[in-house]
Structures are given as structure tokens and as C-alpha cells.
Amino acid sequence: MASYKQLTAQLEKLHKEVALAREKEVAQAIADIKQKVAEYDLTAEELGFSSKRAAGRKPAAVAKYRNPKTGETWSGRGRSPSWLAGKNRERFLIEAS
């Protein structure tokens, strides 16, 4: 039976072999892909890669409530403003036009 040191040495050798094999295969895969892209004149968008970043923000929500004293508005999303705390929200609703 092999000793712990012998087994760990074998394992380390195998890890190095795996890394080398992966490097070679990845390099070959990249070369194949580049060849196909050039052959068919493919773009990133055609391959499903977007050159534009997706918009991270949602558009601003429409105001539903208005403070009659200051004109400050609130959409009803997130934490309610202090001017609305403990009060009947219906009094502050903005009428739809």
C-alpha cells in the first residue's frame, strides 16, 4: 500500500497533468471558435453577446401622493415619507387626469 506522501505526490502530479491538458484543449477550442467566427463573419450580437450593458434601473414610478403644503410627491414605493406617517393616505392621493 502506498504511503500518504506518495499518494499526495501522485495527486499533485495528476493535478498538473489535468491543468496542462485543459490548457491545450481550451487553446484548441478557442482557435476553432475564432476560425468559425472568421469563416462566417459572425458578430458578438449574433452569438448572443451584447456589446451594450443592460439597463440596471427601472424608470421612475408615477407619483400617487402629493403633500399639499410643499408639493412633494411619493409614488407609493419604498418607505413612506414623514409627512404621510400616521395620516389617512386617501387625503393625499393625486387624482388621475
PDB file of N, CA and C in Angstrom:
ATOM      1  N   MET A   1       0.844  -1.182   0.000  1.00  0.00           N
ATOM      2  CA  MET A   1       0.000   0.000   0.000  1.00  0.00           C
ATOM      3  C   MET A   1       0.888   1.243   0.000  1.00  0.00           C
ATOM      4  N   ALA A   2       0.500   2.239  -0.796  1.00  0.00           N
ATOM      5  CA  ALA A   2       1.281   3.463  -0.923  1.00  0.00           C
ATOM      6  C   ALA A   2       1.106   4.325   0.315  1.00  0.00           C
ATOM      7  N   SER A   3       2.167   5.078   0.634  1.00  0.00           N
ATOM      8  CA  SER A   3       2.108   5.950   1.807  1.00  0.00           C
ATOM      9  C   SER A   3       1.367   7.236   1.456  1.00  0.00           C
ATOM     10  N   TYR A   4       1.044   7.986   2.482  1.00  0.00           N
ATOM     11  CA  TYR A   4       0.340   9.259   2.306  1.00  0.00           C
ATOM     12  C   TYR A   4       1.165  10.207   1.428  1.00  0.00           C
ATOM     13  N   LYS A   5       2.474  10.295   1.694  1.00  0.00           N
ATOM     14  CA  LYS A   5       3.351  11.181   0.914  1.00  0.00           C
ATOM     15  C   LYS A   5       3.379  10.778  -0.554  1.00  0.00           C
ATOM     16  N   GLN A   6       3.424   9.492  -0.819  1.00  0.00           N
ATOM     17  CA  GLN A   6       3.446   9.014  -2.203  1.00  0.00           C
ATOM     18  C   GLN A   6       2.128   9.356  -2.912  1.00  0.00           C
ATOM     19  N   LEU A   7       1.033   9.158  -2.206  1.00  0.00           N
ATOM     20  CA  LEU A   7      -0.273   9.451  -2.795  1.00  0.00           C
ATOM     21  C   LEU A   7      -0.451  10.949  -3.062  1.00  0.00           C
ATOM     22  N   THR A   8      -0.014  11.785  -2.124  1.00  0.00           N
ATOM     23  CA  THR A   8      -0.147  13.227  -2.347  1.00  0.00           C
ATOM     24  C   THR A   8       0.758  13.680  -3.494  1.00  0.00           C
ATOM     25  N   ALA A   9       1.923  13.079  -3.641  1.00  0.00           N
ATOM     26  CA  ALA A   9       2.814  13.400  -4.757  1.00  0.00           C
ATOM     27  C   ALA A   9       2.157  13.006  -6.083  1.00  0.00           C
ATOM     28  N   GLN A  10       1.524  11.820  -6.100  1.00  0.00           N
ATOM     29  CA  GLN A  10       0.819  11.379  -7.304  1.00  0.00           C
ATOM     30  C   GLN A  10      -0.348  12.314  -7.624  1.00  0.00           C
ATOM     31  N   LEU A  11      -1.049  12.726  -6.584  1.00  0.00           N
ATOM     32  CA  LEU A  11      -2.188  13.627  -6.760  1.00  0.00           C
ATOM     33  C   LEU A  11      -1.721  14.964  -7.331  1.00  0.00           C
ATOM     34  N   GLU A  12      -0.622  15.480  -6.802  1.00  0.00           N
ATOM     35  CA  GLU A  12      -0.089  16.747  -7.292  1.00  0.00           C
ATOM     36  C   GLU A  12       0.320  16.625  -8.756  1.00  0.00           C
ATOM     37  N   LYS A  13       0.941  15.501  -9.095  1.00  0.00           N
ATOM     38  CA  LYS A  13       1.348  15.264 -10.483  1.00  0.00           C
ATOM     39  C   LYS A  13       0.113  15.205 -11.393  1.00  0.00           C
ATOM     40  N   LEU A  14      -0.935  14.533 -10.933  1.00  0.00           N
ATOM     41  CA  LEU A  14      -2.168  14.448 -11.717  1.00  0.00           C
ATOM     42  C   LEU A  14      -2.826  15.820 -11.893  1.00  0.00           C
ATOM     43  N   HIS A  15      -2.808  16.645 -10.836  1.00  0.00           N
ATOM     44  CA  HIS A  15      -3.366  17.991 -10.939  1.00  0.00           C
ATOM     45  C   HIS A  15      -2.635  18.793 -12.011  1.00  0.00           C
ATOM     46  N   LYS A  16      -1.311  18.664 -12.063  1.00  0.00           N
ATOM     47  CA  LYS A  16      -0.524  19.372 -13.077  1.00  0.00           C
ATOM     48  C   LYS A  16      -0.868  18.855 -14.473  1.00  0.00           C
ATOM     49  N   GLU A  17      -1.023  17.555 -14.616  1.00  0.00           N
ATOM     50  CA  GLU A  17      -1.371  16.969 -15.911  1.00  0.00           C
ATOM     51  C   GLU A  17      -2.761  17.436 -16.359  1.00  0.00           C
ATOM     52  N   VAL A  18      -3.681  17.490 -15.419  1.00  0.00           N
ATOM     53  CA  VAL A  18      -5.035  17.956 -15.728  1.00  0.00           C
ATOM     54  C   VAL A  18      -4.992  19.408 -16.200  1.00  0.00           C
ATOM     55  N   ALA A  19      -4.233  20.243 -15.504  1.00  0.00           N
ATOM     56  CA  ALA A  19      -4.136  21.658 -15.867  1.00  0.00           C
ATOM     57  C   ALA A  19      -3.534  21.818 -17.267  1.00  0.00           C
ATOM     58  N   LEU A  20      -2.489  21.046 -17.575  1.00  0.00           N
ATOM     59  CA  LEU A  20      -1.867  21.118 -18.896  1.00  0.00           C
ATOM     60  C   LEU A  20      -2.827  20.653 -19.991  1.00  0.00           C
ATOM     61  N   ALA A  21      -3.529  19.558 -19.743  1.00  0.00           N
ATOM     62  CA  ALA A  21      -4.479  19.036 -20.720  1.00  0.00           C
ATOM     63  C   ALA A  21      -5.589  20.052 -20.970  1.00  0.00           C
ATOM     64  N   ARG A  22      -6.066  20.689 -19.911  1.00  0.00           N
ATOM     65  CA  ARG A  22      -7.127  21.691 -20.054  1.00  0.00           C
ATOM     66  C   ARG A  22      -6.630  22.881 -20.868  1.00  0.00           C
ATOM     67  N   GLU A  23      -5.416  23.348 -20.562  1.00  0.00           N
ATOM     68  CA  GLU A  23      -4.853  24.478 -21.311  1.00  0.00           C
ATOM     69  C   GLU A  23      -4.785  24.172 -22.802  1.00  0.00           C
ATOM     70  N   LYS A  24      -4.315  22.977 -23.142  1.00  0.00           N
ATOM     71  CA  LYS A  24      -4.203  22.591 -24.550  1.00  0.00           C
ATOM     72  C   LYS A  24      -5.582  22.528 -25.215  1.00  0.00           C
ATOM     73  N   GLU A  25      -6.550  21.917 -24.529  1.00  0.00           N
ATOM     74  CA  GLU A  25      -7.881  21.781 -25.107  1.00  0.00           C
ATOM     75  C   GLU A  25      -8.584  23.125 -25.233  1.00  0.00           C
ATOM     76  N   VAL A  26      -8.410  23.993 -24.244  1.00  0.00           N
ATOM     77  CA  VAL A  26      -9.020  25.321 -24.313  1.00  0.00           C
ATOM     78  C   VAL A  26      -8.402  26.109 -25.461  1.00  0.00           C
ATOM     79  N   ALA A  27      -7.091  26.036 -25.605  1.00  0.00           N
ATOM     80  CA  ALA A  27      -6.429  26.743 -26.702  1.00  0.00           C
ATOM     81  C   ALA A  27      -6.948  26.249 -28.046  1.00  0.00           C
ATOM     82  N   GLN A  28      -7.136  24.949 -28.181  1.00  0.00           N
ATOM     83  CA  GLN A  28      -7.656  24.392 -29.430  1.00  0.00           C
ATOM     84  C   GLN A  28      -9.106  24.824 -29.668  1.00  0.00           C
ATOM     85  N   ALA A  29      -9.903  24.829 -28.608  1.00  0.00           N
ATOM     86  CA  ALA A  29     -11.301  25.252 -28.728  1.00  0.00           C
ATOM     87  C   ALA A  29     -11.380  26.715 -29.147  1.00  0.00           C
ATOM     88  N   ILE A  30     -10.540  27.560 -28.563  1.00  0.00           N
ATOM     89  CA  ILE A  30     -10.528  28.979 -28.917  1.00  0.00           C
ATOM     90  C   ILE A  30     -10.127  29.153 -30.379  1.00  0.00           C
ATOM     91  N   ALA A  31      -9.125  28.417 -30.807  1.00  0.00           N
ATOM     92  CA  ALA A  31      -8.695  28.503 -32.211  1.00  0.00           C
ATOM     93  C   ALA A  31      -9.823  28.072 -33.146  1.00  0.00           C
ATOM     94  N   ASP A  32     -10.527  26.991 -32.804  1.00  0.00           N
ATOM     95  CA  ASP A  32     -11.647  26.524 -33.624  1.00  0.00           C
ATOM     96  C   ASP A  32     -12.760  27.572 -33.694  1.00  0.00           C
ATOM     97  N   ILE A  33     -13.061  28.171 -32.549  1.00  0.00           N
ATOM     98  CA  ILE A  33     -14.125  29.175 -32.492  1.00  0.00           C
ATOM     99  C   ILE A  33     -13.735  30.399 -33.321  1.00  0.00           C
ATOM    100  N   LYS A  34     -12.488  30.851 -33.168  1.00  0.00           N
ATOM    101  CA  LYS A  34     -12.032  32.012 -33.945  1.00  0.00           C
ATOM    102  C   LYS A  34     -12.107  31.739 -35.443  1.00  0.00           C
ATOM    103  N   GLN A  35     -11.775  30.521 -35.821  1.00  0.00           N
ATOM    104  CA  GLN A  35     -11.817  30.143 -37.237  1.00  0.00           C
ATOM    105  C   GLN A  35     -13.250  30.198 -37.755  1.00  0.00           C
ATOM    106  N   LYS A  36     -14.205  29.680 -36.973  1.00  0.00           N
ATOM    107  CA  LYS A  36     -15.613  29.691 -37.384  1.00  0.00           C
ATOM    108  C   LYS A  36     -16.166  31.116 -37.426  1.00  0.00           C
ATOM    109  N   VAL A  37     -15.787  31.936 -36.452  1.00  0.00           N
ATOM    110  CA  VAL A  37     -16.251  33.321 -36.431  1.00  0.00           C
ATOM    111  C   VAL A  37     -15.764  34.048 -37.673  1.00  0.00           C
ATOM    112  N   ALA A  38     -14.489  33.850 -38.020  1.00  0.00           N
ATOM    113  CA  ALA A  38     -13.933  34.494 -39.214  1.00  0.00           C
ATOM    114  C   ALA A  38     -14.568  33.935 -40.481  1.00  0.00           C
ATOM    115  N   GLU A  39     -14.771  32.619 -40.523  1.00  0.00           N
ATOM    116  CA  GLU A  39     -15.337  31.966 -41.712  1.00  0.00           C
ATOM    117  C   GLU A  39     -16.746  32.459 -42.017  1.00  0.00           C
ATOM    118  N   TYR A  40     -17.559  32.614 -40.977  1.00  0.00           N
ATOM    119  CA  TYR A  40     -18.948  33.016 -41.172  1.00  0.00           C
ATOM    120  C   TYR A  40     -19.188  34.502 -40.902  1.00  0.00           C
ATOM    121  N   ASP A  41     -18.125  35.245 -40.590  1.00  0.00           N
ATOM    122  CA  ASP A  41     -18.209  36.672 -40.323  1.00  0.00           C
ATOM    123  C   ASP A  41     -19.278  36.968 -39.258  1.00  0.00           C
ATOM    124  N   LEU A  42     -19.188  36.266 -38.127  1.00  0.00           N
ATOM    125  CA  LEU A  42     -20.165  36.392 -37.049  1.00  0.00           C
ATOM    126  C   LEU A  42     -19.849  37.592 -36.162  1.00  0.00           C
ATOM    127  N   THR A  43     -20.906  38.185 -35.591  1.00  0.00           N
ATOM    128  CA  THR A  43     -20.741  39.292 -34.652  1.00  0.00           C
ATOM    129  C   THR A  43     -21.083  38.811 -33.246  1.00  0.00           C
ATOM    130  N   ALA A  44     -20.681  39.601 -32.255  1.00  0.00           N
ATOM    131  CA  ALA A  44     -20.977  39.255 -30.867  1.00  0.00           C
ATOM    132  C   ALA A  44     -22.480  39.185 -30.629  1.00  0.00           C
ATOM    133  N   GLU A  45     -23.216  40.105 -31.249  1.00  0.00           N
ATOM    134  CA  GLU A  45     -24.672  40.113 -31.079  1.00  0.00           C
ATOM    135  C   GLU A  45     -25.301  38.856 -31.656  1.00  0.00           C
ATOM    136  N   GLU A  46     -24.796  38.372 -32.796  1.00  0.00           N
ATOM    137  CA  GLU A  46     -25.327  37.151 -33.399  1.00  0.00           C
ATOM    138  C   GLU A  46     -25.048  35.927 -32.536  1.00  0.00           C
ATOM    139  N   LEU A  47     -23.977  35.994 -31.763  1.00  0.00           N
ATOM    140  CA  LEU A  47     -23.636  34.882 -30.880  1.00  0.00           C
ATOM    141  C   LEU A  47     -24.322  34.981 -29.523  1.00  0.00           C
ATOM    142  N   GLY A  48     -25.097  36.031 -29.332  1.00  0.00           N
ATOM    143  CA  GLY A  48     -25.832  36.178 -28.080  1.00  0.00           C
ATOM    144  C   GLY A  48     -25.110  37.013 -27.050  1.00  0.00           C
ATOM    145  N   PHE A  49     -24.002  37.646 -27.439  1.00  0.00           N
ATOM    146  CA  PHE A  49     -23.283  38.526 -26.530  1.00  0.00           C
ATOM    147  C   PHE A  49     -23.648  39.946 -26.883  1.00  0.00           C
ATOM    148  N   SER A  50     -24.082  40.699 -25.913  1.00  0.00           N
ATOM    149  CA  SER A  50     -24.477  42.080 -26.165  1.00  0.00           C
ATOM    150  C   SER A  50     -23.304  42.995 -25.884  1.00  0.00           C
ATOM    151  N   SER A  51     -23.066  43.924 -26.777  1.00  0.00           N
ATOM    152  CA  SER A  51     -21.995  44.892 -26.556  1.00  0.00           C
ATOM    153  C   SER A  51     -22.477  46.022 -25.654  1.00  0.00           C
ATOM    154  N   LYS A  52     -23.782  46.118 -25.470  1.00  0.00           N
ATOM    155  CA  LYS A  52     -24.351  47.146 -24.602  1.00  0.00           C
ATOM    156  C   LYS A  52     -24.686  46.524 -23.262  1.00  0.00           C
ATOM    157  N   ARG A  53     -24.503  47.284 -22.221  1.00  0.00           N
ATOM    158  CA  ARG A  53     -24.873  46.816 -20.890  1.00  0.00           C
ATOM    159  C   ARG A  53     -26.376  46.966 -20.711  1.00  0.00           C
ATOM    160  N   ALA A  54     -26.967  46.003 -20.060  1.00  0.00           N
ATOM    161  CA  ALA A  54     -28.404  46.066 -19.803  1.00  0.00           C
ATOM    162  C   ALA A  54     -28.679  47.190 -18.809  1.00  0.00           C
ATOM    163  N   ALA A  55     -29.781  47.868 -19.016  1.00  0.00           N
ATOM    164  CA  ALA A  55     -30.152  48.956 -18.120  1.00  0.00           C
ATOM    165  C   ALA A  55     -30.412  48.389 -16.739  1.00  0.00           C
ATOM    166  N   GLY A  56     -29.767  48.946 -15.749  1.00  0.00           N
ATOM    167  CA  GLY A  56     -29.885  48.445 -14.390  1.00  0.00           C
ATOM    168  C   GLY A  56     -31.001  49.082 -13.599  1.00  0.00           C
ATOM    169  N   ARG A  57     -31.501  50.221 -14.068  1.00  0.00           N
ATOM    170  CA  ARG A  57     -32.508  50.926 -13.295  1.00  0.00           C
ATOM    171  C   ARG A  57     -33.861  50.869 -13.993  1.00  0.00           C
ATOM    172  N   LYS A  58     -34.869  50.804 -13.183  1.00  0.00           N
ATOM    173  CA  LYS A  58     -36.227  50.869 -13.713  1.00  0.00           C
ATOM    174  C   LYS A  58     -36.599  52.338 -13.871  1.00  0.00           C
ATOM    175  N   PRO A  59     -37.514  52.644 -14.761  1.00  0.00           N
ATOM    176  CA  PRO A  59     -37.938  54.040 -14.897  1.00  0.00           C
ATOM    177  C   PRO A  59     -38.623  54.509 -13.612  1.00  0.00           C
ATOM    178  N   ALA A  60     -38.564  55.794 -13.380  1.00  0.00           N
ATOM    179  CA  ALA A  60     -39.176  56.352 -12.176  1.00  0.00           C
ATOM    180  C   ALA A  60     -40.673  56.062 -12.162  1.00  0.00           C
ATOM    181  N   ALA A  61     -41.168  55.736 -10.984  1.00  0.00           N
ATOM    182  CA  ALA A  61     -42.589  55.427 -10.836  1.00  0.00           C
ATOM    183  C   ALA A  61     -43.410  56.720 -10.845  1.00  0.00           C
ATOM    184  N   VAL A  62     -44.625  56.619 -11.272  1.00  0.00           N
ATOM    185  CA  VAL A  62     -45.542  57.759 -11.326  1.00  0.00           C
ATOM    186  C   VAL A  62     -45.967  58.110  -9.898  1.00  0.00           C
ATOM    187  N   ALA A  63     -45.987  59.388  -9.602  1.00  0.00           N
ATOM    188  CA  ALA A  63     -46.381  59.851  -8.269  1.00  0.00           C
ATOM    189  C   ALA A  63     -47.858  59.560  -8.019  1.00  0.00           C
ATOM    190  N   LYS A  64     -48.160  59.060  -6.809  1.00  0.00           N
ATOM    191  CA  LYS A  64     -49.548  58.765  -6.443  1.00  0.00           C
ATOM    192  C   LYS A  64     -50.041  59.677  -5.317  1.00  0.00           C
ATOM    193  N   TYR A  65     -49.106  60.207  -4.537  1.00  0.00           N
ATOM    194  CA  TYR A  65     -49.457  61.040  -3.392  1.00  0.00           C
ATOM    195  C   TYR A  65     -48.707  62.369  -3.474  1.00  0.00           C
ATOM    196  N   ARG A  66     -49.376  63.461  -3.014  1.00  0.00           N
ATOM    197  CA  ARG A  66     -48.737  64.780  -3.027  1.00  0.00           C
ATOM    198  C   ARG A  66     -48.992  65.467  -1.685  1.00  0.00           C
ATOM    199  N   ASN A  67     -47.941  66.095  -1.168  1.00  0.00           N
ATOM    200  CA  ASN A  67     -48.052  66.894   0.042  1.00  0.00           C
ATOM    201  C   ASN A  67     -48.564  68.269  -0.388  1.00  0.00           C
ATOM    202  N   PRO A  68     -49.771  68.670   0.037  1.00  0.00           N
ATOM    203  CA  PRO A  68     -50.333  69.944  -0.417  1.00  0.00           C
ATOM    204  C   PRO A  68     -49.541  71.153   0.075  1.00  0.00           C
ATOM    205  N   LYS A  69     -48.824  71.033   1.159  1.00  0.00           N
ATOM    206  CA  LYS A  69     -48.072  72.173   1.694  1.00  0.00           C
ATOM    207  C   LYS A  69     -46.790  72.434   0.909  1.00  0.00           C
ATOM    208  N   THR A  70     -46.059  71.344   0.568  1.00  0.00           N
ATOM    209  CA  THR A  70     -44.758  71.524  -0.084  1.00  0.00           C
ATOM    210  C   THR A  70     -44.748  71.116  -1.553  1.00  0.00           C
ATOM    211  N   GLY A  71     -45.738  70.344  -1.977  1.00  0.00           N
ATOM    212  CA  GLY A  71     -45.767  69.856  -3.352  1.00  0.00           C
ATOM    213  C   GLY A  71     -44.921  68.594  -3.537  1.00  0.00           C
ATOM    214  N   GLU A  72     -44.311  68.124  -2.462  1.00  0.00           N
ATOM    215  CA  GLU A  72     -43.507  66.901  -2.520  1.00  0.00           C
ATOM    216  C   GLU A  72     -44.410  65.727  -2.872  1.00  0.00           C
ATOM    217  N   THR A  73     -43.894  64.793  -3.697  1.00  0.00           N
ATOM    218  CA  THR A  73     -44.689  63.639  -4.120  1.00  0.00           C
ATOM    219  C   THR A  73     -44.050  62.344  -3.667  1.00  0.00           C
ATOM    220  N   TRP A  74     -44.856  61.282  -3.683  1.00  0.00           N
ATOM    221  CA  TRP A  74     -44.399  59.934  -3.352  1.00  0.00           C
ATOM    222  C   TRP A  74     -45.140  58.957  -4.247  1.00  0.00           C
ATOM    223  N   SER A  75     -44.431  57.969  -4.772  1.00  0.00           N
ATOM    224  CA  SER A  75     -45.022  57.014  -5.711  1.00  0.00           C
ATOM    225  C   SER A  75     -45.769  55.875  -5.028  1.00  0.00           C
ATOM    226  N   GLY A  76     -45.567  55.706  -3.748  1.00  0.00           N
ATOM    227  CA  GLY A  76     -46.183  54.581  -3.050  1.00  0.00           C
ATOM    228  C   GLY A  76     -45.216  53.421  -2.928  1.00  0.00           C
ATOM    229  N   ARG A  77     -44.022  53.581  -3.472  1.00  0.00           N
ATOM    230  CA  ARG A  77     -42.992  52.549  -3.382  1.00  0.00           C
ATOM    231  C   ARG A  77     -41.975  52.933  -2.316  1.00  0.00           C
ATOM    232  N   GLY A  78     -41.461  51.931  -1.646  1.00  0.00           N
ATOM    233  CA  GLY A  78     -40.439  52.191  -0.642  1.00  0.00           C
ATOM    234  C   GLY A  78     -41.032  52.743   0.635  1.00  0.00           C
ATOM    235  N   ARG A  79     -40.156  53.287   1.453  1.00  0.00           N
ATOM    236  CA  ARG A  79     -40.568  53.812   2.753  1.00  0.00           C
ATOM    237  C   ARG A  79     -41.425  55.059   2.556  1.00  0.00           C
ATOM    238  N   SER A  80     -42.506  55.144   3.324  1.00  0.00           N
ATOM    239  CA  SER A  80     -43.391  56.303   3.170  1.00  0.00           C
ATOM    240  C   SER A  80     -42.723  57.534   3.786  1.00  0.00           C
ATOM    241  N   PRO A  81     -42.965  58.699   3.209  1.00  0.00           N
ATOM    242  CA  PRO A  81     -42.352  59.924   3.719  1.00  0.00           C
ATOM    243  C   PRO A  81     -42.947  60.328   5.058  1.00  0.00           C
ATOM    244  N   SER A  82     -42.202  61.138   5.795  1.00  0.00           N
ATOM    245  CA  SER A  82     -42.639  61.527   7.144  1.00  0.00           C
ATOM    246  C   SER A  82     -43.920  62.356   7.108  1.00  0.00           C
ATOM    247  N   TRP A  83     -44.144  63.137   6.063  1.00  0.00           N
ATOM    248  CA  TRP A  83     -45.345  63.963   6.000  1.00  0.00           C
ATOM    249  C   TRP A  83     -46.610  63.126   5.836  1.00  0.00           C
ATOM    250  N   LEU A  84     -46.456  61.838   5.532  1.00  0.00           N
ATOM    251  CA  LEU A  84     -47.596  60.955   5.329  1.00  0.00           C
ATOM    252  C   LEU A  84     -47.794  59.995   6.508  1.00  0.00           C
ATOM    253  N   ALA A  85     -46.840  59.939   7.401  1.00  0.00           N
ATOM    254  CA  ALA A  85     -46.870  58.975   8.509  1.00  0.00           C
ATOM    255  C   ALA A  85     -48.062  59.224   9.436  1.00  0.00           C
ATOM    256  N   GLY A  86     -48.816  58.179   9.689  1.00  0.00           N
ATOM    257  CA  GLY A  86     -49.928  58.232  10.621  1.00  0.00           C
ATOM    258  C   GLY A  86     -51.145  58.992  10.123  1.00  0.00           C
ATOM    259  N   LYS A  87     -51.170  59.338   8.876  1.00  0.00           N
ATOM    260  CA  LYS A  87     -52.292  60.100   8.334  1.00  0.00           C
ATOM    261  C   LYS A  87     -53.056  59.264   7.321  1.00  0.00           C
ATOM    262  N   ASN A  88     -54.268  59.663   7.021  1.00  0.00           N
ATOM    263  CA  ASN A  88     -55.085  58.979   6.041  1.00  0.00           C
ATOM    264  C   ASN A  88     -54.525  59.277   4.645  1.00  0.00           C
ATOM    265  N   ARG A  89     -53.998  58.260   3.991  1.00  0.00           N
ATOM    266  CA  ARG A  89     -53.353  58.441   2.692  1.00  0.00           C
ATOM    267  C   ARG A  89     -54.310  58.919   1.611  1.00  0.00           C
ATOM    268  N   GLU A  90     -55.573  58.593   1.756  1.00  0.00           N
ATOM    269  CA  GLU A  90     -56.551  58.976   0.735  1.00  0.00           C
ATOM    270  C   GLU A  90     -56.627  60.488   0.568  1.00  0.00           C
ATOM    271  N   ARG A  91     -56.350  61.223   1.626  1.00  0.00           N
ATOM    272  CA  ARG A  91     -56.385  62.694   1.548  1.00  0.00           C
ATOM    273  C   ARG A  91     -55.290  63.227   0.642  1.00  0.00           C
ATOM    274  N   PHE A  92     -54.223  62.467   0.471  1.00  0.00           N
ATOM    275  CA  PHE A  92     -53.058  62.925  -0.280  1.00  0.00           C
ATOM    276  C   PHE A  92     -52.986  62.334  -1.673  1.00  0.00           C
ATOM    277  N   LEU A  93     -53.961  61.497  -2.065  1.00  0.00           N
ATOM    278  CA  LEU A  93     -53.949  60.876  -3.387  1.00  0.00           C
ATOM    279  C   LEU A  93     -54.032  61.933  -4.488  1.00  0.00           C
ATOM    280  N   ILE A  94     -53.244  61.729  -5.526  1.00  0.00           N
ATOM    281  CA  ILE A  94     -53.299  62.608  -6.691  1.00  0.00           C
ATOM    282  C   ILE A  94     -54.380  62.044  -7.614  1.00  0.00           C
ATOM    283  N   GLU A  95     -55.313  62.903  -7.999  1.00  0.00           N
ATOM    284  CA  GLU A  95     -56.396  62.444  -8.851  1.00  0.00           C
ATOM    285  C   GLU A  95     -55.876  62.218 -10.265  1.00  0.00           C
ATOM    286  N   ALA A  96     -56.264  61.093 -10.847  1.00  0.00           N
ATOM    287  CA  ALA A  96     -55.844  60.774 -12.236  1.00  0.00           C
ATOM    288  C   ALA A  96     -56.570  61.686 -13.191  1.00  0.00           C
ATOM    289  N   SER A  97     -55.838  62.175 -14.174  1.00  0.00           N
ATOM    290  CA  SER A  97     -56.482  63.076 -15.142  1.00  0.00           C
ATOM    291  C   SER A  97     -56.888  62.374 -16.392  1.00  0.00           C
TER     292      SER A  97
END
